[in-house]
Amino acid sequence: MATSRGYNSKYYTTFATLRKNGWRSMTGSALLSLNVLKVFENPDKIDKASSPTAQSWVTDVETGEDRLRKMFSYDEFGDPSPELQTVTQSGIMGFFTGSVIGGTIHSRENYMKFMERNQASAFYSHLDAKKRLQDKVMTGFFRGAWMWGWRLGLFTLSITFFTTTFSVYRGKSSLLEYITGGALAGSLYKFKQGPKPMISGCIIGGGLGTIAGCVSLGVLYLTGTSMEEVRYWQYKWKEEKQDATLQKFREKRQRDMNILMVTHEENATSEFLKEENKSCNGTTQNSNNIPKLTGD
């Protein structure tokens, strides 16, 4: 590493040599631009050939069917796999988000309709008008929450399920899984309406899947991780959680056993002392009942 005027650069030696030869205008600027481009490279980029995590996750013996069987299996505690938990959580989050959006939109629509239609209406009192307005707003909110919630939740659940299934089967994640999952989810969403709506749903779902895939893979790239590594650590954290639970159970059982042993020893000792006291009292009474011999 060469040093010049307090600045460190691994290209300084080459740059100084080229400057002596009179190539400062062309080659020096090219090397300087390469040095600037190095700044924008991801320093946390994963090298799958040297990453211990990636090597331990990918095995040569495991097939796509084995990974799918592992995904749809339950552990000894009855908990689903991390992939199924992710799918379920995404569906619940989609339902919640859709409920909030739909409820807000429909409640606002009912509010505006009520104000427009009842400008000249006569009510019994001011409280009666407020009560009817509140009923309309709440009815619109729950109706919109249900209409939007189950649709967005089902679509989110479907696209996450297909994307995760394809990714687990292939053993890697790419934009193709998101596009395919979105297209299938959109087609199934429009299944009852016929072939043409299914095609439009497939196109729209594929577009939404592309956007979701770009966002997800972009975030993973910027953070220096991959989806395989995320799933690996999900399984590792799950195993560590189960081990911690078992360890707490063993410690609690050991404490209970120690308490039982101490209680048993105390009871046995007290019973032994009672028997000893009884035997000592009996011997004393027998010695007191022996007649004393006196000489005439």
C-alpha atoms as a PDB file:
ATOM      1  CA  MET A   1       0.000   0.000   0.000  1.00  0.00           C
ATOM      2  CA  ALA A   2       1.590   3.240  -1.171  1.00  0.00           C
ATOM      3  CA  THR A   3       1.189   6.566   0.585  1.00  0.00           C
ATOM      4  CA  SER A   4       1.117  10.066  -0.922  1.00  0.00           C
ATOM      5  CA  ARG A   5       0.288  13.305   0.936  1.00  0.00           C
ATOM      6  CA  GLY A   6      -1.536  11.449   3.672  1.00  0.00           C
ATOM      7  CA  TYR A   7      -3.867   9.532   1.284  1.00  0.00           C
ATOM      8  CA  ASN A   8      -3.697   5.746   0.975  1.00  0.00           C
ATOM      9  CA  SER A   9      -4.542   4.093  -2.327  1.00  0.00           C
ATOM     10  CA  LYS A  10      -3.523   0.751  -3.783  1.00  0.00           C
ATOM     11  CA  TYR A  11      -3.566   2.325  -7.264  1.00  0.00           C
ATOM     12  CA  TYR A  12      -1.178   5.171  -6.432  1.00  0.00           C
ATOM     13  CA  THR A  13       1.990   3.373  -7.554  1.00  0.00           C
ATOM     14  CA  THR A  14       0.528   2.485 -10.953  1.00  0.00           C
ATOM     15  CA  PHE A  15      -0.910   5.963 -11.304  1.00  0.00           C
ATOM     16  CA  ALA A  16       2.463   7.608 -10.551  1.00  0.00           C
ATOM     17  CA  THR A  17       4.240   5.395 -13.085  1.00  0.00           C
ATOM     18  CA  LEU A  18       1.744   6.211 -15.806  1.00  0.00           C
ATOM     19  CA  ARG A  19       2.036   9.917 -14.991  1.00  0.00           C
ATOM     20  CA  LYS A  20       5.786   9.742 -15.600  1.00  0.00           C
ATOM     21  CA  ASN A  21       5.137   8.213 -19.005  1.00  0.00           C
ATOM     22  CA  GLY A  22       2.747  11.005 -19.937  1.00  0.00           C
ATOM     23  CA  TRP A  23      -0.492   8.959 -19.832  1.00  0.00           C
ATOM     24  CA  ARG A  24      -2.128  10.989 -17.112  1.00  0.00           C
ATOM     25  CA  SER A  25      -4.942  12.272 -19.325  1.00  0.00           C
ATOM     26  CA  MET A  26      -6.268   8.850 -20.420  1.00  0.00           C
ATOM     27  CA  THR A  27      -5.108   5.921 -18.336  1.00  0.00           C
ATOM     28  CA  GLY A  28      -4.898   7.797 -15.048  1.00  0.00           C
ATOM     29  CA  SER A  29      -8.511   8.932 -15.292  1.00  0.00           C
ATOM     30  CA  ALA A  30      -9.571   5.384 -16.191  1.00  0.00           C
ATOM     31  CA  LEU A  31      -7.845   3.938 -13.123  1.00  0.00           C
ATOM     32  CA  LEU A  32      -9.330   6.672 -10.961  1.00  0.00           C
ATOM     33  CA  SER A  33     -12.813   5.813 -12.224  1.00  0.00           C
ATOM     34  CA  LEU A  34     -12.187   2.121 -11.419  1.00  0.00           C
ATOM     35  CA  ASN A  35     -11.181   3.107  -7.912  1.00  0.00           C
ATOM     36  CA  VAL A  36     -14.398   5.126  -7.530  1.00  0.00           C
ATOM     37  CA  LEU A  37     -16.497   2.205  -8.803  1.00  0.00           C
ATOM     38  CA  LYS A  38     -14.975  -0.007  -6.104  1.00  0.00           C
ATOM     39  CA  VAL A  39     -16.753   2.137  -3.525  1.00  0.00           C
ATOM     40  CA  PHE A  40     -20.178   1.116  -4.854  1.00  0.00           C
ATOM     41  CA  GLU A  41     -19.482  -2.622  -4.670  1.00  0.00           C
ATOM     42  CA  ASN A  42     -21.291  -4.540  -1.952  1.00  0.00           C
ATOM     43  CA  PRO A  43     -18.676  -5.398   0.733  1.00  0.00           C
ATOM     44  CA  ASP A  44     -21.001  -8.015   2.259  1.00  0.00           C
ATOM     45  CA  LYS A  45     -21.589  -9.962  -0.942  1.00  0.00           C
ATOM     46  CA  ILE A  46     -21.782 -13.690  -0.223  1.00  0.00           C
ATOM     47  CA  ASP A  47     -19.358 -16.029  -1.924  1.00  0.00           C
ATOM     48  CA  LYS A  48     -21.198 -19.355  -1.942  1.00  0.00           C
ATOM     49  CA  ALA A  49     -17.987 -21.237  -2.610  1.00  0.00           C
ATOM     50  CA  SER A  50     -16.366 -20.032   0.626  1.00  0.00           C
ATOM     51  CA  SER A  51     -19.362 -19.279   2.869  1.00  0.00           C
ATOM     52  CA  PRO A  52     -19.603 -21.879   5.688  1.00  0.00           C
ATOM     53  CA  THR A  53     -23.285 -21.139   6.102  1.00  0.00           C
ATOM     54  CA  ALA A  54     -24.068 -21.736   2.443  1.00  0.00           C
ATOM     55  CA  GLN A  55     -21.929 -24.880   2.382  1.00  0.00           C
ATOM     56  CA  SER A  56     -23.661 -26.319   5.441  1.00  0.00           C
ATOM     57  CA  TRP A  57     -27.092 -25.477   4.037  1.00  0.00           C
ATOM     58  CA  VAL A  58     -26.633 -26.963   0.566  1.00  0.00           C
ATOM     59  CA  THR A  59     -26.068 -30.712   0.529  1.00  0.00           C
ATOM     60  CA  ASP A  60     -25.472 -32.954  -2.457  1.00  0.00           C
ATOM     61  CA  VAL A  61     -27.686 -35.756  -1.178  1.00  0.00           C
ATOM     62  CA  GLU A  62     -30.790 -33.636  -0.505  1.00  0.00           C
ATOM     63  CA  THR A  63     -33.249 -33.432  -3.401  1.00  0.00           C
ATOM     64  CA  GLY A  64     -36.130 -31.092  -4.145  1.00  0.00           C
ATOM     65  CA  GLU A  65     -38.662 -33.627  -2.873  1.00  0.00           C
ATOM     66  CA  ASP A  66     -36.724 -33.959   0.389  1.00  0.00           C
ATOM     67  CA  ARG A  67     -36.786 -30.200   0.873  1.00  0.00           C
ATOM     68  CA  LEU A  68     -40.524 -30.054   0.139  1.00  0.00           C
ATOM     69  CA  ARG A  69     -41.169 -32.921   2.558  1.00  0.00           C
ATOM     70  CA  LYS A  70     -39.182 -31.049   5.175  1.00  0.00           C
ATOM     71  CA  MET A  71     -41.159 -27.880   4.457  1.00  0.00           C
ATOM     72  CA  PHE A  72     -44.552 -29.575   4.970  1.00  0.00           C
ATOM     73  CA  SER A  73     -43.513 -31.491   8.095  1.00  0.00           C
ATOM     74  CA  TYR A  74     -43.980 -30.740  11.792  1.00  0.00           C
ATOM     75  CA  ASP A  75     -41.395 -31.001  14.527  1.00  0.00           C
ATOM     76  CA  GLU A  76     -41.662 -32.973  17.767  1.00  0.00           C
ATOM     77  CA  PHE A  77     -43.459 -30.048  19.414  1.00  0.00           C
ATOM     78  CA  GLY A  78     -46.140 -29.911  16.700  1.00  0.00           C
ATOM     79  CA  ASP A  79     -44.866 -26.641  15.211  1.00  0.00           C
ATOM     80  CA  PRO A  80     -44.770 -26.157  11.407  1.00  0.00           C
ATOM     81  CA  SER A  81     -41.616 -25.403   9.458  1.00  0.00           C
ATOM     82  CA  PRO A  82     -40.308 -21.813   9.221  1.00  0.00           C
ATOM     83  CA  GLU A  83     -41.407 -21.670   5.568  1.00  0.00           C
ATOM     84  CA  LEU A  84     -45.029 -22.470   6.431  1.00  0.00           C
ATOM     85  CA  GLN A  85     -44.885 -20.010   9.311  1.00  0.00           C
ATOM     86  CA  THR A  86     -43.718 -17.329   6.871  1.00  0.00           C
ATOM     87  CA  VAL A  87     -46.578 -18.153   4.483  1.00  0.00           C
ATOM     88  CA  THR A  88     -49.151 -18.028   7.289  1.00  0.00           C
ATOM     89  CA  GLN A  89     -47.792 -14.776   8.690  1.00  0.00           C
ATOM     90  CA  SER A  90     -47.817 -13.147   5.256  1.00  0.00           C
ATOM     91  CA  GLY A  91     -51.472 -14.141   4.785  1.00  0.00           C
ATOM     92  CA  ILE A  92     -52.412 -12.716   8.178  1.00  0.00           C
ATOM     93  CA  MET A  93     -50.492  -9.518   7.461  1.00  0.00           C
ATOM     94  CA  GLY A  94     -52.179  -9.196   4.066  1.00  0.00           C
ATOM     95  CA  PHE A  95     -55.603  -9.663   5.652  1.00  0.00           C
ATOM     96  CA  PHE A  96     -54.835  -7.023   8.278  1.00  0.00           C
ATOM     97  CA  THR A  97     -53.518  -4.533   5.716  1.00  0.00           C
ATOM     98  CA  GLY A  98     -56.488  -5.089   3.413  1.00  0.00           C
ATOM     99  CA  SER A  99     -58.902  -4.697   6.314  1.00  0.00           C
ATOM    100  CA  VAL A 100     -57.408  -1.347   7.284  1.00  0.00           C
ATOM    101  CA  ILE A 101     -57.366  -0.032   3.705  1.00  0.00           C
ATOM    102  CA  GLY A 102     -60.834  -1.301   2.778  1.00  0.00           C
ATOM    103  CA  GLY A 103     -62.400  -0.228   6.051  1.00  0.00           C
ATOM    104  CA  THR A 104     -60.999   3.280   5.730  1.00  0.00           C
ATOM    105  CA  ILE A 105     -62.165   3.693   2.134  1.00  0.00           C
ATOM    106  CA  HIS A 106     -65.702   2.379   2.666  1.00  0.00           C
ATOM    107  CA  SER A 107     -66.239   4.213   5.942  1.00  0.00           C
ATOM    108  CA  ARG A 108     -65.275   7.479   4.255  1.00  0.00           C
ATOM    109  CA  GLU A 109     -67.645   6.740   1.359  1.00  0.00           C
ATOM    110  CA  ASN A 110     -70.524   6.069   3.756  1.00  0.00           C
ATOM    111  CA  TYR A 111     -69.726   9.258   5.648  1.00  0.00           C
ATOM    112  CA  MET A 112     -69.817  11.376   2.480  1.00  0.00           C
ATOM    113  CA  LYS A 113     -73.034   9.711   1.246  1.00  0.00           C
ATOM    114  CA  PHE A 114     -74.749  10.253   4.582  1.00  0.00           C
ATOM    115  CA  MET A 115     -73.797  13.929   4.657  1.00  0.00           C
ATOM    116  CA  GLU A 116     -74.978  14.473   1.061  1.00  0.00           C
ATOM    117  CA  ARG A 117     -78.293  12.617   1.403  1.00  0.00           C
ATOM    118  CA  ASN A 118     -79.319  13.985   4.782  1.00  0.00           C
ATOM    119  CA  GLN A 119     -78.632  17.687   4.449  1.00  0.00           C
ATOM    120  CA  ALA A 120     -82.327  18.521   4.668  1.00  0.00           C
ATOM    121  CA  SER A 121     -83.417  15.532   6.758  1.00  0.00           C
ATOM    122  CA  ALA A 122     -85.083  16.070  10.092  1.00  0.00           C
ATOM    123  CA  PHE A 123     -83.866  14.076  13.073  1.00  0.00           C
ATOM    124  CA  TYR A 124     -85.295  13.761  16.531  1.00  0.00           C
ATOM    125  CA  SER A 125     -82.217  15.319  18.066  1.00  0.00           C
ATOM    126  CA  HIS A 126     -78.572  16.069  17.466  1.00  0.00           C
ATOM    127  CA  LEU A 127     -77.598  12.849  19.242  1.00  0.00           C
ATOM    128  CA  ASP A 128     -79.897  10.828  16.978  1.00  0.00           C
ATOM    129  CA  ALA A 129     -78.160  12.226  13.879  1.00  0.00           C
ATOM    130  CA  LYS A 130     -74.740  11.411  15.322  1.00  0.00           C
ATOM    131  CA  LYS A 131     -75.847   7.886  16.200  1.00  0.00           C
ATOM    132  CA  ARG A 132     -77.110   7.188  12.680  1.00  0.00           C
ATOM    133  CA  LEU A 133     -73.934   8.634  11.177  1.00  0.00           C
ATOM    134  CA  GLN A 134     -71.820   6.475  13.455  1.00  0.00           C
ATOM    135  CA  ASP A 135     -73.828   3.386  12.504  1.00  0.00           C
ATOM    136  CA  LYS A 136     -73.323   4.082   8.808  1.00  0.00           C
ATOM    137  CA  VAL A 137     -69.590   4.685   9.234  1.00  0.00           C
ATOM    138  CA  MET A 138     -69.057   1.525  11.314  1.00  0.00           C
ATOM    139  CA  THR A 139     -71.137  -0.579   8.916  1.00  0.00           C
ATOM    140  CA  GLY A 140     -69.091   0.689   5.989  1.00  0.00           C
ATOM    141  CA  PHE A 141     -65.846   0.051   7.829  1.00  0.00           C
ATOM    142  CA  PHE A 142     -66.614  -3.584   8.650  1.00  0.00           C
ATOM    143  CA  ARG A 143     -68.034  -4.230   5.188  1.00  0.00           C
ATOM    144  CA  GLY A 144     -64.982  -2.741   3.479  1.00  0.00           C
ATOM    145  CA  ALA A 145     -62.615  -4.487   5.868  1.00  0.00           C
ATOM    146  CA  TRP A 146     -64.113  -7.867   5.006  1.00  0.00           C
ATOM    147  CA  MET A 147     -64.281  -7.180   1.246  1.00  0.00           C
ATOM    148  CA  TRP A 148     -60.660  -6.053   1.029  1.00  0.00           C
ATOM    149  CA  GLY A 149     -59.209  -8.165   3.820  1.00  0.00           C
ATOM    150  CA  TRP A 150     -59.940 -11.670   2.590  1.00  0.00           C
ATOM    151  CA  ARG A 151     -59.037 -10.799  -0.999  1.00  0.00           C
ATOM    152  CA  LEU A 152     -55.676  -9.226  -0.200  1.00  0.00           C
ATOM    153  CA  GLY A 153     -54.963 -11.878   2.431  1.00  0.00           C
ATOM    154  CA  LEU A 154     -55.731 -14.722   0.012  1.00  0.00           C
ATOM    155  CA  PHE A 155     -53.657 -13.151  -2.767  1.00  0.00           C
ATOM    156  CA  THR A 156     -50.708 -12.540  -0.437  1.00  0.00           C
ATOM    157  CA  LEU A 157     -50.986 -16.063   0.971  1.00  0.00           C
ATOM    158  CA  SER A 158     -51.103 -17.571  -2.532  1.00  0.00           C
ATOM    159  CA  ILE A 159     -48.162 -15.651  -3.956  1.00  0.00           C
ATOM    160  CA  THR A 160     -46.028 -16.336  -0.878  1.00  0.00           C
ATOM    161  CA  PHE A 161     -46.970 -20.021  -0.910  1.00  0.00           C
ATOM    162  CA  PHE A 162     -46.108 -20.543  -4.591  1.00  0.00           C
ATOM    163  CA  THR A 163     -42.927 -18.482  -4.372  1.00  0.00           C
ATOM    164  CA  THR A 164     -41.701 -20.311  -1.279  1.00  0.00           C
ATOM    165  CA  THR A 165     -42.596 -23.736  -2.684  1.00  0.00           C
ATOM    166  CA  PHE A 166     -40.756 -23.164  -5.971  1.00  0.00           C
ATOM    167  CA  SER A 167     -37.770 -21.673  -4.175  1.00  0.00           C
ATOM    168  CA  VAL A 168     -37.533 -24.580  -1.730  1.00  0.00           C
ATOM    169  CA  TYR A 169     -37.833 -27.141  -4.524  1.00  0.00           C
ATOM    170  CA  ARG A 170     -35.120 -25.483  -6.631  1.00  0.00           C
ATOM    171  CA  GLY A 171     -32.892 -24.833  -3.640  1.00  0.00           C
ATOM    172  CA  LYS A 172     -32.288 -21.213  -4.623  1.00  0.00           C
ATOM    173  CA  SER A 173     -34.151 -17.928  -4.961  1.00  0.00           C
ATOM    174  CA  SER A 174     -34.415 -15.735  -8.032  1.00  0.00           C
ATOM    175  CA  LEU A 175     -36.842 -13.391  -9.738  1.00  0.00           C
ATOM    176  CA  LEU A 176     -38.375 -16.326 -11.633  1.00  0.00           C
ATOM    177  CA  GLU A 177     -40.087 -17.701  -8.502  1.00  0.00           C
ATOM    178  CA  TYR A 178     -41.736 -14.364  -7.757  1.00  0.00           C
ATOM    179  CA  ILE A 179     -42.994 -13.919 -11.326  1.00  0.00           C
ATOM    180  CA  THR A 180     -44.354 -17.483 -11.481  1.00  0.00           C
ATOM    181  CA  GLY A 181     -45.935 -17.261  -8.037  1.00  0.00           C
ATOM    182  CA  GLY A 182     -47.604 -13.943  -8.823  1.00  0.00           C
ATOM    183  CA  ALA A 183     -48.911 -15.224 -12.163  1.00  0.00           C
ATOM    184  CA  LEU A 184     -50.399 -18.366 -10.585  1.00  0.00           C
ATOM    185  CA  ALA A 185     -51.917 -16.392  -7.711  1.00  0.00           C
ATOM    186  CA  GLY A 186     -53.517 -13.907 -10.126  1.00  0.00           C
ATOM    187  CA  SER A 187     -54.885 -16.716 -12.304  1.00  0.00           C
ATOM    188  CA  LEU A 188     -56.437 -18.531  -9.351  1.00  0.00           C
ATOM    189  CA  TYR A 189     -57.924 -15.278  -8.084  1.00  0.00           C
ATOM    190  CA  LYS A 190     -59.820 -14.839 -11.389  1.00  0.00           C
ATOM    191  CA  PHE A 191     -60.572 -18.547 -11.851  1.00  0.00           C
ATOM    192  CA  LYS A 192     -64.376 -18.264 -11.464  1.00  0.00           C
ATOM    193  CA  GLN A 193     -64.687 -15.468 -14.028  1.00  0.00           C
ATOM    194  CA  GLY A 194     -63.427 -17.444 -17.008  1.00  0.00           C
ATOM    195  CA  PRO A 195     -60.331 -17.719 -19.231  1.00  0.00           C
ATOM    196  CA  LYS A 196     -59.983 -14.060 -20.240  1.00  0.00           C
ATOM    197  CA  PRO A 197     -60.045 -12.716 -16.661  1.00  0.00           C
ATOM    198  CA  MET A 198     -57.613 -15.483 -15.734  1.00  0.00           C
ATOM    199  CA  ILE A 199     -55.185 -14.258 -18.383  1.00  0.00           C
ATOM    200  CA  SER A 200     -55.492 -10.668 -17.194  1.00  0.00           C
ATOM    201  CA  GLY A 201     -55.074 -11.832 -13.595  1.00  0.00           C
ATOM    202  CA  CYS A 202     -51.992 -13.794 -14.642  1.00  0.00           C
ATOM    203  CA  ILE A 203     -50.449 -10.698 -16.246  1.00  0.00           C
ATOM    204  CA  ILE A 204     -51.281  -8.414 -13.315  1.00  0.00           C
ATOM    205  CA  GLY A 205     -50.136 -11.013 -10.785  1.00  0.00           C
ATOM    206  CA  GLY A 206     -46.894 -11.530 -12.684  1.00  0.00           C
ATOM    207  CA  GLY A 207     -46.282  -7.780 -12.634  1.00  0.00           C
ATOM    208  CA  LEU A 208     -46.952  -7.567  -8.908  1.00  0.00           C
ATOM    209  CA  GLY A 209     -44.716 -10.596  -8.348  1.00  0.00           C
ATOM    210  CA  THR A 210     -41.962  -8.916 -10.343  1.00  0.00           C
ATOM    211  CA  ILE A 211     -42.191  -5.801  -8.182  1.00  0.00           C
ATOM    212  CA  ALA A 212     -42.203  -7.868  -4.982  1.00  0.00           C
ATOM    213  CA  GLY A 213     -39.257  -9.941  -6.206  1.00  0.00           C
ATOM    214  CA  CYS A 214     -37.200  -6.883  -7.128  1.00  0.00           C
ATOM    215  CA  VAL A 215     -37.852  -5.322  -3.730  1.00  0.00           C
ATOM    216  CA  SER A 216     -37.103  -8.520  -1.775  1.00  0.00           C
ATOM    217  CA  LEU A 217     -33.985  -9.481  -3.704  1.00  0.00           C
ATOM    218  CA  GLY A 218     -32.793  -5.872  -3.670  1.00  0.00           C
ATOM    219  CA  VAL A 219     -33.093  -5.680   0.112  1.00  0.00           C
ATOM    220  CA  LEU A 220     -31.297  -9.015   0.464  1.00  0.00           C
ATOM    221  CA  TYR A 221     -28.515  -7.829  -1.834  1.00  0.00           C
ATOM    222  CA  LEU A 222     -28.048  -4.559   0.033  1.00  0.00           C
ATOM    223  CA  THR A 223     -27.922  -6.375   3.381  1.00  0.00           C
ATOM    224  CA  GLY A 224     -25.420  -8.919   2.079  1.00  0.00           C
ATOM    225  CA  THR A 225     -27.604 -11.986   2.616  1.00  0.00           C
ATOM    226  CA  SER A 226     -29.519 -14.493   0.525  1.00  0.00           C
ATOM    227  CA  MET A 227     -32.848 -16.248   0.932  1.00  0.00           C
ATOM    228  CA  GLU A 228     -31.070 -19.568   1.459  1.00  0.00           C
ATOM    229  CA  GLU A 229     -29.106 -18.074   4.317  1.00  0.00           C
ATOM    230  CA  VAL A 230     -32.269 -16.573   5.807  1.00  0.00           C
ATOM    231  CA  ARG A 231     -33.940 -19.989   5.783  1.00  0.00           C
ATOM    232  CA  TYR A 232     -30.811 -21.595   7.209  1.00  0.00           C
ATOM    233  CA  TRP A 233     -30.781 -19.227  10.169  1.00  0.00           C
ATOM    234  CA  GLN A 234     -34.525 -19.666  10.636  1.00  0.00           C
ATOM    235  CA  TYR A 235     -33.946 -23.379  11.153  1.00  0.00           C
ATOM    236  CA  LYS A 236     -30.942 -22.695  13.370  1.00  0.00           C
ATOM    237  CA  TRP A 237     -32.865 -20.259  15.568  1.00  0.00           C
ATOM    238  CA  LYS A 238     -35.738 -22.718  15.773  1.00  0.00           C
ATOM    239  CA  GLU A 239     -33.381 -25.492  16.893  1.00  0.00           C
ATOM    240  CA  GLU A 240     -31.745 -23.197  19.450  1.00  0.00           C
ATOM    241  CA  LYS A 241     -35.173 -22.201  20.778  1.00  0.00           C
ATOM    242  CA  GLN A 242     -36.182 -25.850  21.104  1.00  0.00           C
ATOM    243  CA  ASP A 243     -32.891 -26.698  22.824  1.00  0.00           C
ATOM    244  CA  ALA A 244     -33.382 -23.813  25.246  1.00  0.00           C
ATOM    245  CA  THR A 245     -36.924 -25.001  25.991  1.00  0.00           C
ATOM    246  CA  LEU A 246     -35.716 -28.547  26.624  1.00  0.00           C
ATOM    247  CA  GLN A 247     -32.890 -27.275  28.820  1.00  0.00           C
ATOM    248  CA  LYS A 248     -35.329 -25.250  30.936  1.00  0.00           C
ATOM    249  CA  PHE A 249     -37.580 -28.301  31.218  1.00  0.00           C
ATOM    250  CA  ARG A 250     -34.647 -30.461  32.332  1.00  0.00           C
ATOM    251  CA  GLU A 251     -33.543 -27.876  34.902  1.00  0.00           C
ATOM    252  CA  LYS A 252     -37.082 -27.574  36.262  1.00  0.00           C
ATOM    253  CA  ARG A 253     -37.401 -31.344  36.459  1.00  0.00           C
ATOM    254  CA  GLN A 254     -34.055 -31.596  38.222  1.00  0.00           C
ATOM    255  CA  ARG A 255     -35.132 -28.953  40.740  1.00  0.00           C
ATOM    256  CA  ASP A 256     -38.389 -30.807  41.338  1.00  0.00           C
ATOM    257  CA  MET A 257     -36.499 -34.065  41.803  1.00  0.00           C
ATOM    258  CA  ASN A 258     -34.125 -32.416  44.255  1.00  0.00           C
ATOM    259  CA  ILE A 259     -37.062 -31.025  46.222  1.00  0.00           C
ATOM    260  CA  LEU A 260     -38.682 -34.467  46.287  1.00  0.00           C
ATOM    261  CA  MET A 261     -35.457 -36.110  47.418  1.00  0.00           C
ATOM    262  CA  VAL A 262     -34.939 -33.556  50.181  1.00  0.00           C
ATOM    263  CA  THR A 263     -38.547 -33.920  51.325  1.00  0.00           C
ATOM    264  CA  HIS A 264     -38.252 -37.701  51.292  1.00  0.00           C
ATOM    265  CA  GLU A 265     -35.042 -37.616  53.311  1.00  0.00           C
ATOM    266  CA  GLU A 266     -36.592 -35.230  55.835  1.00  0.00           C
ATOM    267  CA  ASN A 267     -39.645 -37.471  56.220  1.00  0.00           C
ATOM    268  CA  ALA A 268     -37.495 -40.580  56.566  1.00  0.00           C
ATOM    269  CA  THR A 269     -35.306 -38.879  59.155  1.00  0.00           C
ATOM    270  CA  SER A 270     -38.315 -37.696  61.157  1.00  0.00           C
ATOM    271  CA  GLU A 271     -39.842 -41.199  61.089  1.00  0.00           C
ATOM    272  CA  PHE A 272     -36.550 -42.705  62.206  1.00  0.00           C
ATOM    273  CA  LEU A 273     -36.276 -40.224  65.069  1.00  0.00           C
ATOM    274  CA  LYS A 274     -39.834 -40.996  66.156  1.00  0.00           C
ATOM    275  CA  GLU A 275     -39.083 -44.722  66.226  1.00  0.00           C
ATOM    276  CA  GLU A 276     -35.926 -44.086  68.220  1.00  0.00           C
ATOM    277  CA  ASN A 277     -37.823 -41.953  70.706  1.00  0.00           C
ATOM    278  CA  LYS A 278     -40.478 -44.639  71.111  1.00  0.00           C
ATOM    279  CA  SER A 279     -37.883 -47.335  71.704  1.00  0.00           C
ATOM    280  CA  CYS A 280     -36.044 -45.174  74.228  1.00  0.00           C
ATOM    281  CA  ASN A 281     -39.279 -44.398  76.103  1.00  0.00           C
ATOM    282  CA  GLY A 282     -40.193 -48.101  76.209  1.00  0.00           C
ATOM    283  CA  THR A 283     -36.805 -49.068  77.635  1.00  0.00           C
ATOM    284  CA  THR A 284     -37.099 -46.389  80.312  1.00  0.00           C
ATOM    285  CA  GLN A 285     -40.552 -47.594  81.373  1.00  0.00           C
ATOM    286  CA  ASN A 286     -39.382 -51.201  81.592  1.00  0.00           C
ATOM    287  CA  SER A 287     -36.444 -50.224  83.792  1.00  0.00           C
ATOM    288  CA  ASN A 288     -38.783 -48.319  86.108  1.00  0.00           C
ATOM    289  CA  ASN A 289     -41.107 -51.334  86.499  1.00  0.00           C
ATOM    290  CA  ILE A 290     -38.325 -53.683  87.782  1.00  0.00           C
ATOM    291  CA  PRO A 291     -38.799 -54.213  91.615  1.00  0.00           C
ATOM    292  CA  LYS A 292     -35.924 -53.224  93.816  1.00  0.00           C
ATOM    293  CA  LEU A 293     -34.468 -55.920  96.194  1.00  0.00           C
ATOM    294  CA  THR A 294     -33.861 -54.827  99.784  1.00  0.00           C
ATOM    295  CA  GLY A 295     -32.018 -56.868 102.413  1.00  0.00           C
ATOM    296  CA  ASP A 296     -33.522 -57.634 105.890  1.00  0.00           C
END
